[in-house]
Amino acid sequence: MNDNGDFHESAHLSECGSLDMYEIMKALHDTNFDGHIRPDHGRNIWGEDGVPGYGLYDRALGIAYLNGLWEALEKNK
């Protein structure tokens, strides 16, 4: 977040932001979380013209990424 309160949407990979998505998903998995998980925000990509912060394509990529992390955690029990 910038000093003025604005923020920049980043890609979902941990290396692109300030949070380790694998560790977050691992914590949820390790505590047997059984609720809903979804990306809250996304970038407008591939020429999409929508409300800033709510890009449909990037949120779809985000949920695919989270599903992949969850599957890896399930397979490594």
N, C-alpha and C. Protein backbone atom coordinates (compact mmCIF):
# COMPACT_ATOMS: atom_id res chain seq x y z
N MET A 1 0.85 -1.18 0.00
CA MET A 1 0.00 0.00 0.00
C MET A 1 0.89 1.24 0.00
N ASN A 2 0.49 2.21 -0.77
CA ASN A 2 1.23 3.47 -0.83
C ASN A 2 0.88 4.35 0.37
N ASP A 3 1.71 5.34 0.62
CA ASP A 3 1.48 6.25 1.75
C ASP A 3 0.13 6.94 1.70
N ASN A 4 -0.40 7.17 0.49
CA ASN A 4 -1.67 7.87 0.35
C ASN A 4 -2.87 6.92 0.43
N GLY A 5 -2.61 5.63 0.67
CA GLY A 5 -3.71 4.66 0.78
C GLY A 5 -3.99 3.89 -0.48
N ASP A 6 -3.44 4.33 -1.61
CA ASP A 6 -3.62 3.60 -2.86
C ASP A 6 -2.80 2.31 -2.81
N PHE A 7 -3.18 1.36 -3.61
CA PHE A 7 -2.40 0.13 -3.70
C PHE A 7 -2.34 -0.34 -5.13
N HIS A 8 -1.44 -1.25 -5.38
CA HIS A 8 -1.21 -1.78 -6.73
C HIS A 8 -1.56 -3.27 -6.71
N GLU A 9 -2.42 -3.68 -7.61
CA GLU A 9 -2.74 -5.11 -7.74
C GLU A 9 -1.54 -5.82 -8.33
N SER A 10 -1.19 -6.95 -7.75
CA SER A 10 -0.09 -7.73 -8.30
C SER A 10 -0.61 -9.11 -8.69
N ALA A 11 0.20 -9.84 -9.43
CA ALA A 11 -0.16 -11.21 -9.78
C ALA A 11 -0.21 -12.05 -8.50
N HIS A 12 -0.80 -13.23 -8.57
CA HIS A 12 -1.03 -14.03 -7.38
C HIS A 12 0.20 -14.78 -6.88
N LEU A 13 1.19 -14.99 -7.73
CA LEU A 13 2.39 -15.70 -7.28
C LEU A 13 3.02 -14.98 -6.09
N SER A 14 3.51 -15.75 -5.13
CA SER A 14 4.11 -15.17 -3.92
C SER A 14 5.21 -14.18 -4.24
N GLU A 15 6.01 -14.48 -5.27
CA GLU A 15 7.13 -13.61 -5.61
C GLU A 15 6.69 -12.25 -6.13
N CYS A 16 5.43 -12.11 -6.49
CA CYS A 16 4.92 -10.85 -7.05
C CYS A 16 4.33 -9.92 -6.01
N GLY A 17 4.14 -10.39 -4.81
CA GLY A 17 3.51 -9.56 -3.78
C GLY A 17 4.26 -9.64 -2.47
N SER A 18 3.58 -9.27 -1.39
CA SER A 18 4.22 -9.23 -0.08
C SER A 18 3.79 -10.39 0.82
N LEU A 19 2.97 -11.30 0.30
CA LEU A 19 2.49 -12.43 1.09
C LEU A 19 2.92 -13.75 0.44
N ASP A 20 3.18 -14.74 1.25
CA ASP A 20 3.55 -16.06 0.75
C ASP A 20 2.28 -16.90 0.64
N MET A 21 1.74 -16.99 -0.57
CA MET A 21 0.46 -17.68 -0.77
C MET A 21 0.55 -19.15 -0.41
N TYR A 22 1.70 -19.79 -0.65
CA TYR A 22 1.85 -21.19 -0.27
C TYR A 22 1.70 -21.34 1.24
N GLU A 23 2.35 -20.50 2.01
CA GLU A 23 2.27 -20.59 3.47
C GLU A 23 0.86 -20.29 3.98
N ILE A 24 0.18 -19.38 3.33
CA ILE A 24 -1.20 -19.08 3.72
C ILE A 24 -2.09 -20.29 3.46
N MET A 25 -1.97 -20.86 2.25
CA MET A 25 -2.77 -22.04 1.92
C MET A 25 -2.39 -23.22 2.81
N LYS A 26 -1.11 -23.37 3.14
CA LYS A 26 -0.66 -24.45 4.01
C LYS A 26 -1.27 -24.30 5.40
N ALA A 27 -1.31 -23.09 5.91
CA ALA A 27 -1.91 -22.86 7.24
C ALA A 27 -3.39 -23.22 7.23
N LEU A 28 -4.09 -22.85 6.17
CA LEU A 28 -5.51 -23.21 6.06
C LEU A 28 -5.66 -24.73 5.97
N HIS A 29 -4.84 -25.35 5.16
CA HIS A 29 -4.89 -26.80 4.98
C HIS A 29 -4.58 -27.52 6.30
N ASP A 30 -3.53 -27.09 6.97
CA ASP A 30 -3.08 -27.76 8.19
C ASP A 30 -4.07 -27.62 9.34
N THR A 31 -4.94 -26.62 9.28
CA THR A 31 -5.96 -26.45 10.32
C THR A 31 -7.32 -26.98 9.87
N ASN A 32 -7.31 -27.76 8.77
CA ASN A 32 -8.53 -28.39 8.24
C ASN A 32 -9.62 -27.38 7.88
N PHE A 33 -9.21 -26.25 7.35
CA PHE A 33 -10.18 -25.24 6.90
C PHE A 33 -11.10 -25.85 5.85
N ASP A 34 -12.41 -25.65 6.00
CA ASP A 34 -13.35 -26.21 5.03
C ASP A 34 -14.33 -25.18 4.50
N GLY A 35 -13.91 -23.91 4.53
CA GLY A 35 -14.76 -22.84 4.02
C GLY A 35 -14.44 -22.51 2.57
N HIS A 36 -14.94 -21.39 2.14
CA HIS A 36 -14.72 -20.93 0.77
C HIS A 36 -13.41 -20.17 0.68
N ILE A 37 -12.70 -20.36 -0.42
CA ILE A 37 -11.47 -19.63 -0.70
C ILE A 37 -11.59 -19.07 -2.10
N ARG A 38 -11.34 -17.78 -2.23
CA ARG A 38 -11.40 -17.16 -3.56
C ARG A 38 -10.49 -15.95 -3.58
N PRO A 39 -9.96 -15.61 -4.74
CA PRO A 39 -9.17 -14.38 -4.84
C PRO A 39 -10.11 -13.19 -4.75
N ASP A 40 -9.76 -12.23 -3.94
CA ASP A 40 -10.61 -11.08 -3.70
C ASP A 40 -10.48 -10.03 -4.80
N HIS A 41 -9.30 -9.87 -5.32
CA HIS A 41 -9.04 -8.85 -6.33
C HIS A 41 -8.23 -9.42 -7.47
N GLY A 42 -8.18 -8.68 -8.54
CA GLY A 42 -7.38 -9.08 -9.69
C GLY A 42 -7.10 -7.88 -10.58
N ARG A 43 -6.09 -8.04 -11.40
CA ARG A 43 -5.72 -6.97 -12.33
C ARG A 43 -6.59 -7.08 -13.58
N ASN A 44 -6.75 -5.99 -14.28
CA ASN A 44 -7.36 -6.02 -15.61
C ASN A 44 -6.25 -6.38 -16.59
N ILE A 45 -6.37 -7.55 -17.22
CA ILE A 45 -5.33 -8.03 -18.13
C ILE A 45 -5.95 -8.41 -19.46
N TRP A 46 -5.10 -8.62 -20.46
CA TRP A 46 -5.51 -9.08 -21.78
C TRP A 46 -6.58 -8.19 -22.40
N GLY A 47 -6.42 -6.88 -22.22
CA GLY A 47 -7.32 -5.92 -22.84
C GLY A 47 -8.67 -5.77 -22.16
N GLU A 48 -8.82 -6.40 -21.01
CA GLU A 48 -10.10 -6.31 -20.29
C GLU A 48 -10.33 -4.87 -19.83
N ASP A 49 -11.55 -4.42 -19.97
CA ASP A 49 -11.93 -3.07 -19.55
C ASP A 49 -13.03 -3.20 -18.51
N GLY A 50 -12.64 -3.17 -17.25
CA GLY A 50 -13.62 -3.35 -16.18
C GLY A 50 -13.29 -2.46 -15.00
N VAL A 51 -13.95 -2.72 -13.90
CA VAL A 51 -13.71 -1.95 -12.69
C VAL A 51 -12.31 -2.27 -12.17
N PRO A 52 -11.46 -1.26 -11.95
CA PRO A 52 -10.11 -1.52 -11.48
C PRO A 52 -10.12 -2.38 -10.20
N GLY A 53 -9.26 -3.38 -10.18
CA GLY A 53 -9.16 -4.26 -9.01
C GLY A 53 -10.04 -5.49 -9.09
N TYR A 54 -10.92 -5.56 -10.07
CA TYR A 54 -11.84 -6.69 -10.15
C TYR A 54 -11.80 -7.36 -11.52
N GLY A 55 -10.60 -7.49 -12.06
CA GLY A 55 -10.45 -8.14 -13.36
C GLY A 55 -10.91 -9.59 -13.32
N LEU A 56 -11.78 -9.94 -14.23
CA LEU A 56 -12.33 -11.30 -14.27
C LEU A 56 -11.27 -12.32 -14.64
N TYR A 57 -10.48 -12.04 -15.67
CA TYR A 57 -9.48 -13.00 -16.12
C TYR A 57 -8.44 -13.28 -15.04
N ASP A 58 -7.95 -12.24 -14.39
CA ASP A 58 -6.91 -12.43 -13.39
C ASP A 58 -7.45 -13.14 -12.15
N ARG A 59 -8.69 -12.88 -11.80
CA ARG A 59 -9.28 -13.61 -10.66
C ARG A 59 -9.44 -15.09 -11.02
N ALA A 60 -9.75 -15.39 -12.28
CA ALA A 60 -9.84 -16.79 -12.71
C ALA A 60 -8.45 -17.45 -12.64
N LEU A 61 -7.41 -16.73 -13.06
CA LEU A 61 -6.06 -17.26 -12.92
C LEU A 61 -5.71 -17.47 -11.44
N GLY A 62 -6.16 -16.55 -10.61
CA GLY A 62 -5.89 -16.64 -9.17
C GLY A 62 -6.51 -17.88 -8.55
N ILE A 63 -7.75 -18.18 -8.88
CA ILE A 63 -8.39 -19.35 -8.29
C ILE A 63 -7.74 -20.62 -8.81
N ALA A 64 -7.29 -20.62 -10.06
CA ALA A 64 -6.58 -21.78 -10.59
C ALA A 64 -5.27 -21.99 -9.82
N TYR A 65 -4.59 -20.91 -9.50
CA TYR A 65 -3.35 -20.98 -8.73
C TYR A 65 -3.63 -21.52 -7.33
N LEU A 66 -4.65 -21.00 -6.67
CA LEU A 66 -5.00 -21.47 -5.33
C LEU A 66 -5.41 -22.94 -5.35
N ASN A 67 -6.17 -23.34 -6.36
CA ASN A 67 -6.54 -24.75 -6.50
C ASN A 67 -5.31 -25.63 -6.67
N GLY A 68 -4.34 -25.17 -7.43
CA GLY A 68 -3.11 -25.92 -7.63
C GLY A 68 -2.32 -26.07 -6.33
N LEU A 69 -2.24 -25.00 -5.56
CA LEU A 69 -1.57 -25.08 -4.26
C LEU A 69 -2.28 -26.08 -3.35
N TRP A 70 -3.62 -26.00 -3.32
CA TRP A 70 -4.40 -26.90 -2.46
C TRP A 70 -4.19 -28.36 -2.87
N GLU A 71 -4.21 -28.62 -4.18
CA GLU A 71 -4.02 -29.99 -4.65
C GLU A 71 -2.63 -30.50 -4.24
N ALA A 72 -1.61 -29.67 -4.36
CA ALA A 72 -0.26 -30.08 -3.96
C ALA A 72 -0.21 -30.39 -2.47
N LEU A 73 -0.87 -29.58 -1.66
CA LEU A 73 -0.90 -29.83 -0.21
C LEU A 73 -1.63 -31.14 0.10
N GLU A 74 -2.71 -31.40 -0.60
CA GLU A 74 -3.46 -32.64 -0.40
C GLU A 74 -2.62 -33.87 -0.75
N LYS A 75 -1.86 -33.77 -1.82
CA LYS A 75 -1.07 -34.90 -2.28
C LYS A 75 0.19 -35.12 -1.42
N ASN A 76 0.58 -34.13 -0.65
CA ASN A 76 1.77 -34.24 0.18
C ASN A 76 1.45 -34.43 1.66
N LYS A 77 0.27 -34.97 1.95
CA LYS A 77 -0.11 -35.20 3.37
C LYS A 77 0.82 -36.20 3.99
